[in-house]
Every structure is written in structure tokens, then in C-alpha cells.
N, C-alpha and C. Protein backbone atom coordinates (compact mmCIF):
# COMPACT_ATOMS: atom_id res chain seq x y z
N MET A 1 19.27 -4.01 3.01
CA MET A 1 17.85 -3.92 2.91
C MET A 1 16.68 -5.10 2.58
N GLN A 2 17.52 -5.60 1.63
CA GLN A 2 16.49 -6.99 1.19
C GLN A 2 15.58 -7.37 2.27
N THR A 3 16.76 -8.05 3.48
CA THR A 3 16.43 -8.82 4.49
C THR A 3 15.17 -8.44 5.15
N GLN A 4 15.17 -6.80 5.54
CA GLN A 4 14.28 -5.90 6.10
C GLN A 4 12.93 -6.05 5.32
N ILE A 5 13.21 -5.96 4.20
CA ILE A 5 12.13 -5.95 2.99
C ILE A 5 11.15 -7.36 3.30
N LYS A 6 12.04 -8.38 3.24
CA LYS A 6 11.32 -9.93 3.75
C LYS A 6 10.60 -10.02 4.78
N ARG A 7 11.29 -9.25 5.63
CA ARG A 7 10.94 -9.39 7.45
C ARG A 7 9.56 -8.76 7.25
N ALA A 8 9.40 -7.77 6.85
CA ALA A 8 7.96 -6.67 6.63
C ALA A 8 7.39 -7.66 5.66
N VAL A 9 7.48 -8.25 4.73
CA VAL A 9 6.52 -8.76 4.29
C VAL A 9 5.57 -10.00 5.07
N ALA A 10 6.83 -10.54 5.28
CA ALA A 10 6.35 -11.76 6.53
C ALA A 10 5.21 -11.40 7.35
N MET A 11 5.67 -10.36 8.01
CA MET A 11 4.83 -9.56 9.09
C MET A 11 3.55 -9.44 9.13
N ALA A 12 3.37 -8.66 7.56
CA ALA A 12 2.51 -8.25 6.82
C ALA A 12 1.28 -9.02 6.73
N LYS A 13 2.15 -10.69 6.08
CA LYS A 13 1.10 -12.06 6.04
C LYS A 13 0.60 -12.59 7.53
N GLU A 14 1.44 -12.25 8.46
CA GLU A 14 1.51 -12.98 9.56
C GLU A 14 -0.36 -12.16 10.44
N VAL A 15 0.05 -10.81 10.37
CA VAL A 15 -0.81 -9.66 11.00
C VAL A 15 -1.98 -9.52 10.45
N GLY A 16 -1.93 -9.47 8.73
CA GLY A 16 -3.38 -10.12 7.93
C GLY A 16 -3.59 -8.17 7.33
N HIS A 17 -2.48 -7.35 7.65
CA HIS A 17 -3.08 -6.06 7.25
C HIS A 17 -1.55 -5.45 6.66
N LEU A 18 -1.97 -4.52 5.91
CA LEU A 18 -0.92 -3.75 5.36
C LEU A 18 -1.46 -2.24 4.97
N PHE A 19 -0.96 -1.35 5.50
CA PHE A 19 -1.60 0.30 5.20
C PHE A 19 -0.76 0.92 4.16
N LEU A 20 -1.69 1.22 2.89
CA LEU A 20 -0.72 2.54 1.90
C LEU A 20 -1.21 3.47 2.01
N ALA A 21 -0.32 4.56 2.42
CA ALA A 21 -0.28 5.75 2.38
C ALA A 21 -0.02 6.50 1.01
N THR A 22 -1.13 7.21 0.50
CA THR A 22 -0.79 8.30 -0.77
C THR A 22 -1.08 9.45 -0.43
N ALA A 23 -0.43 10.47 -1.50
CA ALA A 23 -1.03 11.60 -1.30
C ALA A 23 -1.26 12.33 -2.79
N ASP A 24 -2.20 13.27 -2.50
CA ASP A 24 -2.51 13.72 -4.16
C ASP A 24 -1.19 14.59 -4.53
N ALA A 25 -1.41 15.05 -5.95
CA ALA A 25 -0.81 16.16 -6.35
C ALA A 25 -0.17 17.56 -5.60
N GLU A 26 -1.17 17.80 -4.62
CA GLU A 26 -0.83 19.08 -3.78
C GLU A 26 -0.51 18.59 -2.36
N GLY A 27 -0.22 17.25 -2.02
CA GLY A 27 0.13 16.45 -0.86
C GLY A 27 -0.79 16.32 -0.23
N SER A 28 -1.76 16.36 -0.29
CA SER A 28 -3.12 15.63 0.57
C SER A 28 -3.35 14.26 1.00
N PRO A 29 -3.17 13.86 2.03
CA PRO A 29 -2.99 12.60 2.37
C PRO A 29 -4.15 11.44 1.94
N HIS A 30 -3.98 10.09 1.83
CA HIS A 30 -5.09 9.32 1.96
C HIS A 30 -4.64 8.18 2.55
N LEU A 31 -5.25 6.88 3.25
CA LEU A 31 -4.65 5.86 3.60
C LEU A 31 -5.78 5.02 3.28
N ALA A 32 -4.78 3.51 2.35
CA ALA A 32 -5.81 2.74 2.08
C ALA A 32 -5.08 1.01 2.85
N VAL A 33 -6.37 0.41 2.73
CA VAL A 33 -5.52 -1.25 3.10
C VAL A 33 -5.35 -1.97 1.96
N VAL A 34 -4.41 -2.83 1.79
CA VAL A 34 -3.49 -3.74 0.75
C VAL A 34 -4.29 -5.03 0.99
N LYS A 35 -4.70 -5.45 0.19
CA LYS A 35 -5.17 -6.96 0.09
C LYS A 35 -4.43 -8.09 0.31
N ASP A 36 -3.21 -7.93 -0.35
CA ASP A 36 -2.21 -9.23 -0.31
C ASP A 36 -0.72 -8.11 -0.75
N VAL A 37 0.37 -8.52 -0.24
CA VAL A 37 1.70 -8.20 -0.40
C VAL A 37 3.01 -9.43 -0.81
N GLY A 38 3.66 -8.73 -1.62
CA GLY A 38 4.39 -10.07 -1.65
C GLY A 38 5.78 -9.33 -2.00
N ALA A 39 7.14 -9.98 -1.79
CA ALA A 39 8.32 -9.62 -1.90
C ALA A 39 8.47 -9.61 -3.66
N GLY A 40 9.20 -8.37 -4.03
CA GLY A 40 8.90 -8.37 -5.64
C GLY A 40 10.76 -8.52 -5.96
N PRO A 41 10.93 -8.40 -7.12
CA PRO A 41 12.42 -8.24 -7.49
C PRO A 41 13.18 -6.90 -7.35
N GLY A 42 14.42 -6.97 -6.95
CA GLY A 42 15.41 -6.31 -6.84
C GLY A 42 14.88 -5.07 -5.80
N GLY A 43 14.78 -5.17 -4.53
CA GLY A 43 14.11 -4.78 -3.30
C GLY A 43 12.90 -3.81 -3.69
N SER A 44 11.75 -4.28 -4.37
CA SER A 44 10.67 -3.97 -4.40
C SER A 44 9.34 -4.86 -3.45
N VAL A 45 8.39 -4.25 -3.60
CA VAL A 45 7.15 -5.22 -3.24
C VAL A 45 6.02 -5.17 -4.46
N LEU A 46 5.23 -6.11 -4.09
CA LEU A 46 4.05 -6.32 -5.27
C LEU A 46 3.02 -6.32 -4.22
N LEU A 47 2.01 -5.15 -4.33
CA LEU A 47 1.29 -5.12 -3.65
C LEU A 47 -0.44 -5.54 -4.28
N THR A 48 -1.48 -6.35 -3.82
CA THR A 48 -2.57 -6.52 -4.73
C THR A 48 -3.77 -5.86 -3.75
N MET A 49 -4.49 -4.84 -4.45
CA MET A 49 -5.31 -4.45 -3.95
C MET A 49 -6.57 -3.80 -4.95
N TRP A 50 -7.90 -3.82 -4.33
CA TRP A 50 -8.94 -3.12 -4.62
C TRP A 50 -8.92 -1.61 -4.33
N PRO A 51 -8.43 -0.80 -5.02
CA PRO A 51 -8.05 0.77 -4.43
C PRO A 51 -9.51 1.55 -4.76
N CYS A 52 -9.74 2.47 -3.90
CA CYS A 52 -11.04 3.27 -4.04
C CYS A 52 -10.53 4.36 -4.83
N GLN A 53 -11.40 5.27 -5.84
CA GLN A 53 -11.14 6.24 -6.62
C GLN A 53 -9.87 7.27 -6.13
N SER A 54 -9.92 7.33 -4.97
CA SER A 54 -8.94 8.40 -4.45
C SER A 54 -7.39 7.89 -4.42
N THR A 55 -7.47 6.64 -4.01
CA THR A 55 -6.25 5.82 -3.89
C THR A 55 -5.59 5.62 -5.58
N PHE A 56 -6.55 5.14 -6.36
CA PHE A 56 -5.84 5.15 -7.69
C PHE A 56 -5.45 6.44 -8.37
N ALA A 57 -6.18 7.74 -8.16
CA ALA A 57 -5.81 8.93 -8.48
C ALA A 57 -4.48 9.32 -8.25
N ASN A 58 -4.54 9.15 -6.80
CA ASN A 58 -3.38 9.42 -6.36
C ASN A 58 -2.07 8.86 -6.70
N LEU A 59 -2.13 7.20 -6.74
CA LEU A 59 -1.13 6.81 -7.62
C LEU A 59 -0.66 7.47 -8.94
N ALA A 60 -1.70 7.35 -10.05
CA ALA A 60 -1.54 7.87 -11.01
C ALA A 60 -0.65 8.92 -11.08
N LYS A 61 -0.74 10.07 -10.22
CA LYS A 61 -0.16 11.42 -9.66
C LYS A 61 0.85 11.54 -9.24
N ASN A 62 0.91 10.94 -8.33
CA ASN A 62 2.25 11.25 -7.17
C ASN A 62 2.71 9.68 -7.01
N PRO A 63 3.67 9.11 -7.43
CA PRO A 63 4.26 7.98 -7.26
C PRO A 63 4.80 7.54 -5.97
N ASN A 64 5.19 8.79 -5.05
CA ASN A 64 5.49 8.47 -3.74
C ASN A 64 4.83 7.45 -2.71
N VAL A 65 5.13 6.93 -2.03
CA VAL A 65 4.20 6.23 -1.39
C VAL A 65 4.99 5.56 0.40
N SER A 66 4.09 5.13 0.81
CA SER A 66 4.60 4.99 2.36
C SER A 66 3.81 3.32 2.79
N LEU A 67 4.07 2.22 3.00
CA LEU A 67 3.51 1.35 3.63
C LEU A 67 3.68 1.10 5.08
N VAL A 68 2.79 0.53 5.94
CA VAL A 68 3.02 0.65 7.42
C VAL A 68 2.42 -0.87 7.54
N ILE A 69 3.21 -1.78 8.24
CA ILE A 69 2.84 -2.88 9.12
C ILE A 69 3.06 -2.56 10.51
N TRP A 70 2.04 -3.03 11.50
CA TRP A 70 2.06 -2.86 12.45
C TRP A 70 1.25 -3.75 13.35
N ARG A 71 2.31 -4.45 14.68
CA ARG A 71 1.72 -5.46 15.30
C ARG A 71 1.83 -4.64 16.74
N PRO A 72 0.38 -4.50 17.05
CA PRO A 72 0.01 -3.65 18.16
C PRO A 72 0.32 -4.18 19.68
N GLU A 73 0.25 -5.47 19.42
CA GLU A 73 0.28 -6.39 20.95
C GLU A 73 1.83 -6.25 21.38
N LYS A 74 2.77 -6.04 20.40
CA LYS A 74 3.92 -6.31 20.75
C LYS A 74 4.48 -5.07 20.28
N ASP A 75 3.92 -4.01 19.76
CA ASP A 75 4.37 -2.36 19.42
C ASP A 75 5.41 -2.95 18.64
N THR A 76 5.79 -3.30 17.88
CA THR A 76 6.50 -3.54 16.64
C THR A 76 6.06 -3.16 15.13
N GLY A 77 6.84 -3.06 14.24
CA GLY A 77 6.50 -2.81 12.83
C GLY A 77 7.24 -2.29 12.07
N TYR A 78 6.94 -1.95 10.65
CA TYR A 78 7.70 -1.56 9.98
C TYR A 78 6.97 -0.49 9.01
N GLN A 79 7.71 0.65 8.44
CA GLN A 79 7.41 1.53 7.53
C GLN A 79 8.57 1.48 6.22
N LEU A 80 7.99 1.12 5.31
CA LEU A 80 8.31 1.38 3.80
C LEU A 80 8.13 2.30 3.18
N CYS A 81 9.17 3.04 2.57
CA CYS A 81 8.86 4.27 1.88
C CYS A 81 9.42 4.15 0.64
N GLY A 82 8.88 4.54 -0.45
CA GLY A 82 9.11 4.17 -1.71
C GLY A 82 8.40 4.76 -2.90
N LYS A 83 8.73 4.37 -4.06
CA LYS A 83 8.08 4.86 -5.26
C LYS A 83 7.42 3.92 -6.29
N VAL A 84 6.37 4.32 -6.51
CA VAL A 84 5.48 3.46 -7.40
C VAL A 84 6.16 3.05 -8.65
N GLU A 85 6.47 1.79 -9.33
CA GLU A 85 7.13 1.79 -10.68
C GLU A 85 6.46 1.18 -11.76
N ASP A 86 5.31 0.33 -11.28
CA ASP A 86 4.13 0.15 -12.08
C ASP A 86 3.10 -0.27 -11.53
N ILE A 87 1.88 0.00 -12.43
CA ILE A 87 0.50 -0.37 -11.94
C ILE A 87 -0.27 -1.30 -13.03
N GLU A 88 -0.60 -2.49 -12.68
CA GLU A 88 -1.24 -3.55 -13.73
C GLU A 88 -2.53 -3.76 -13.13
N ASN A 89 -3.60 -3.79 -14.32
CA ASN A 89 -4.73 -3.97 -13.90
C ASN A 89 -5.13 -5.69 -13.69
N VAL A 90 -5.89 -6.11 -12.74
CA VAL A 90 -5.77 -7.77 -12.55
C VAL A 90 -7.25 -7.98 -12.75
N ALA A 91 -8.06 -7.11 -12.35
CA ALA A 91 -9.51 -7.93 -12.90
C ALA A 91 -10.48 -6.23 -12.74
N VAL A 92 -11.54 -6.21 -13.25
CA VAL A 92 -12.34 -4.77 -13.56
C VAL A 92 -13.90 -5.53 -12.96
N LEU A 93 -14.37 -4.91 -12.18
CA LEU A 93 -16.18 -4.90 -12.09
C LEU A 93 -16.63 -3.41 -12.41
N ASN A 94 -17.56 -3.90 -13.21
CA ASN A 94 -18.30 -2.55 -13.75
C ASN A 94 -18.95 -1.72 -12.88
N GLY A 95 -19.16 -1.86 -11.45
CA GLY A 95 -19.90 -0.81 -10.78
C GLY A 95 -21.07 -1.10 -10.74
N TYR A 96 -21.80 -2.04 -11.42
CA TYR A 96 -23.15 -1.93 -11.52
C TYR A 96 -23.98 -2.57 -10.04
N LEU A 97 -24.64 -1.78 -9.52
CA LEU A 97 -25.45 -2.44 -8.32
C LEU A 97 -26.94 -2.28 -8.62
N PRO A 98 -27.45 -3.72 -8.44
CA PRO A 98 -29.26 -3.70 -8.38
C PRO A 98 -29.65 -2.65 -7.65
N GLY A 99 -30.74 -1.90 -7.98
CA GLY A 99 -31.21 -0.92 -7.24
C GLY A 99 -30.90 0.21 -7.12
N LEU A 100 -29.64 0.53 -7.47
CA LEU A 100 -29.09 1.71 -7.80
C LEU A 100 -28.65 2.29 -9.30
N GLU A 101 -29.54 1.91 -9.94
CA GLU A 101 -29.24 1.96 -11.40
C GLU A 101 -29.02 3.77 -11.80
N ASN A 102 -29.86 3.96 -10.99
CA ASN A 102 -29.70 5.82 -10.99
C ASN A 102 -28.94 6.59 -10.29
N LYS A 103 -27.84 6.05 -9.69
CA LYS A 103 -26.65 6.49 -8.70
C LYS A 103 -25.70 6.81 -9.77
N LYS A 104 -24.80 7.43 -9.77
CA LYS A 104 -23.61 7.38 -10.13
C LYS A 104 -22.69 6.34 -9.77
N HIS A 105 -21.93 5.31 -10.37
CA HIS A 105 -21.18 4.26 -9.84
C HIS A 105 -19.83 4.34 -10.95
N TYR A 106 -18.85 3.99 -10.37
CA TYR A 106 -17.87 3.62 -10.78
C TYR A 106 -17.26 2.21 -11.42
N PRO A 107 -16.27 2.10 -12.06
CA PRO A 107 -15.77 0.62 -11.96
C PRO A 107 -14.77 0.26 -11.16
N GLN A 108 -14.48 -1.06 -10.13
CA GLN A 108 -13.76 -1.13 -9.39
C GLN A 108 -12.77 -1.81 -10.20
N GLU A 109 -11.54 -1.85 -9.74
CA GLU A 109 -10.20 -2.29 -10.29
C GLU A 109 -9.70 -3.04 -9.75
N GLU A 110 -9.15 -4.16 -9.27
CA GLU A 110 -8.03 -4.77 -8.81
C GLU A 110 -6.77 -4.43 -9.38
N ILE A 111 -5.86 -4.14 -8.75
CA ILE A 111 -4.75 -3.67 -9.40
C ILE A 111 -3.23 -4.66 -8.69
N LYS A 112 -2.33 -4.60 -9.37
CA LYS A 112 -1.16 -5.08 -8.78
C LYS A 112 0.04 -3.97 -8.79
N VAL A 113 0.89 -3.76 -7.91
CA VAL A 113 1.32 -2.17 -7.83
C VAL A 113 2.87 -2.92 -7.29
N ARG A 114 3.41 -2.51 -8.49
CA ARG A 114 5.18 -2.67 -7.70
C ARG A 114 5.70 -1.35 -7.02
N VAL A 115 6.10 -1.52 -6.04
CA VAL A 115 6.99 -0.21 -5.31
C VAL A 115 8.38 -0.67 -5.15
N ARG A 116 9.30 0.01 -5.93
CA ARG A 116 10.63 0.45 -5.39
C ARG A 116 10.90 0.98 -3.93
N ILE A 117 11.42 0.25 -3.15
CA ILE A 117 11.50 0.44 -1.51
C ILE A 117 13.07 1.27 -1.57
N GLN A 118 12.41 2.18 -0.87
CA GLN A 118 13.91 3.45 -1.10
C GLN A 118 14.46 3.43 0.64
N LYS A 119 13.94 3.06 1.69
CA LYS A 119 14.03 3.14 2.49
C LYS A 119 13.06 2.26 3.84
N VAL A 120 13.52 1.55 5.01
CA VAL A 120 12.68 0.77 5.55
C VAL A 120 12.84 1.79 7.16
N LEU A 121 11.90 1.97 7.59
CA LEU A 121 12.13 2.49 9.08
C LEU A 121 11.41 1.47 9.93
N ASN A 122 11.72 1.61 11.06
CA ASN A 122 11.21 1.07 12.68
C ASN A 122 9.88 1.84 12.67
N PHE A 123 9.02 1.14 13.00
CA PHE A 123 7.55 1.85 13.27
C PHE A 123 6.84 1.11 14.65
N GLN A 124 7.00 1.94 15.43
CA GLN A 124 6.00 1.52 17.08
C GLN A 124 5.66 2.91 17.57
N GLN A 125 4.47 2.55 18.31
CA GLN A 125 4.27 3.68 19.33
C GLN A 125 5.16 4.24 20.22
N ALA A 126 6.00 3.14 20.68
CA ALA A 126 6.65 3.51 21.96
C ALA A 126 7.94 4.96 21.37
N PRO A 127 8.78 5.77 21.80
CA PRO A 127 9.60 6.64 21.34
C PRO A 127 10.40 6.14 20.89
N HIS A 128 10.85 6.35 19.46
CA HIS A 128 11.75 5.75 18.33
C HIS A 128 12.39 7.06 17.74
N LEU A 129 13.26 6.72 16.71
CA LEU A 129 13.91 7.36 15.52
C LEU A 129 13.70 7.07 14.40
N ASP A 130 13.01 7.79 13.48
CA ASP A 130 12.90 7.62 12.23
C ASP A 130 14.43 7.48 11.47
N VAL A 131 14.92 6.16 11.56
CA VAL A 131 15.97 5.95 10.92
C VAL A 131 16.17 5.00 10.47
N LYS A 132 17.09 4.62 9.16
CA LYS A 132 16.81 3.58 8.16
C LYS A 132 17.29 2.37 9.28
N MET A 133 16.79 1.43 8.72
CA MET A 133 16.95 -0.33 9.79
C MET A 133 18.02 -0.82 8.96
């Protein structure tokens, strides 16, 4: 599985995007874009991102996630299913925007997330089976 994880990470870097699917405690889904991804130790991946409040709340309450990398012009990709093991703050912006002082605002946090990958699936638009690669 480590080889497939490395291939998925390389593809995400090539195509320039990676999608993170989370769900809240009730199972309501949410989709986010990851800024950067790298292979981590022992079958994990490291994600760096500026999540919105929904993503951040979901990660804190439900550690099960899915990552999707897709190259549409070739209809090839990967779905990495796993569990969040660690979340580390990298940077914090105070949420202040000039001219919007009277509006409610939230601090923005850049985070690094370590996800232990439990299975790697093929991801494509064409007919396929969701079986481990």
C-alpha cells in the first residue's frame, strides 16, 4: 500500500489539487481543498491546509476522512481512505479585515494534518469497482 500512497501523493503534486472529504458527528459531508500533501511515516500522509470552520470542526469530531486526487483528462486517480491521527497548528491569522470591523469574524488557522491511510481505491469516472488497489 505504501507504493500506492507515494503514487497518489506524486499525482496530487502533479495535478495541483487534492480534495478532502470530512463529515460531522451526524455524518453530514463537507468537501475542502488541500494546499499541500506529502508522504508521512508508516503509511500516512501529511496535509497542509487553511481549513474553513466546517472542515476544522469536522476534523475535531470525526477522524474518518477521504482524500481524492483525479486527473480528468486521463480519467485516472486515487481515493485514500483513512483516519486523522494528529492536527498541528502551523500559523494563525486573527481574522481581522479592514472595513469589516462590525462583522463577526473567525481566526484562520493553517494546520498540518497527519492521516493514517487504511485503504487506497481507484478513482475514475468510468465504470469501476471500489476495491483496494
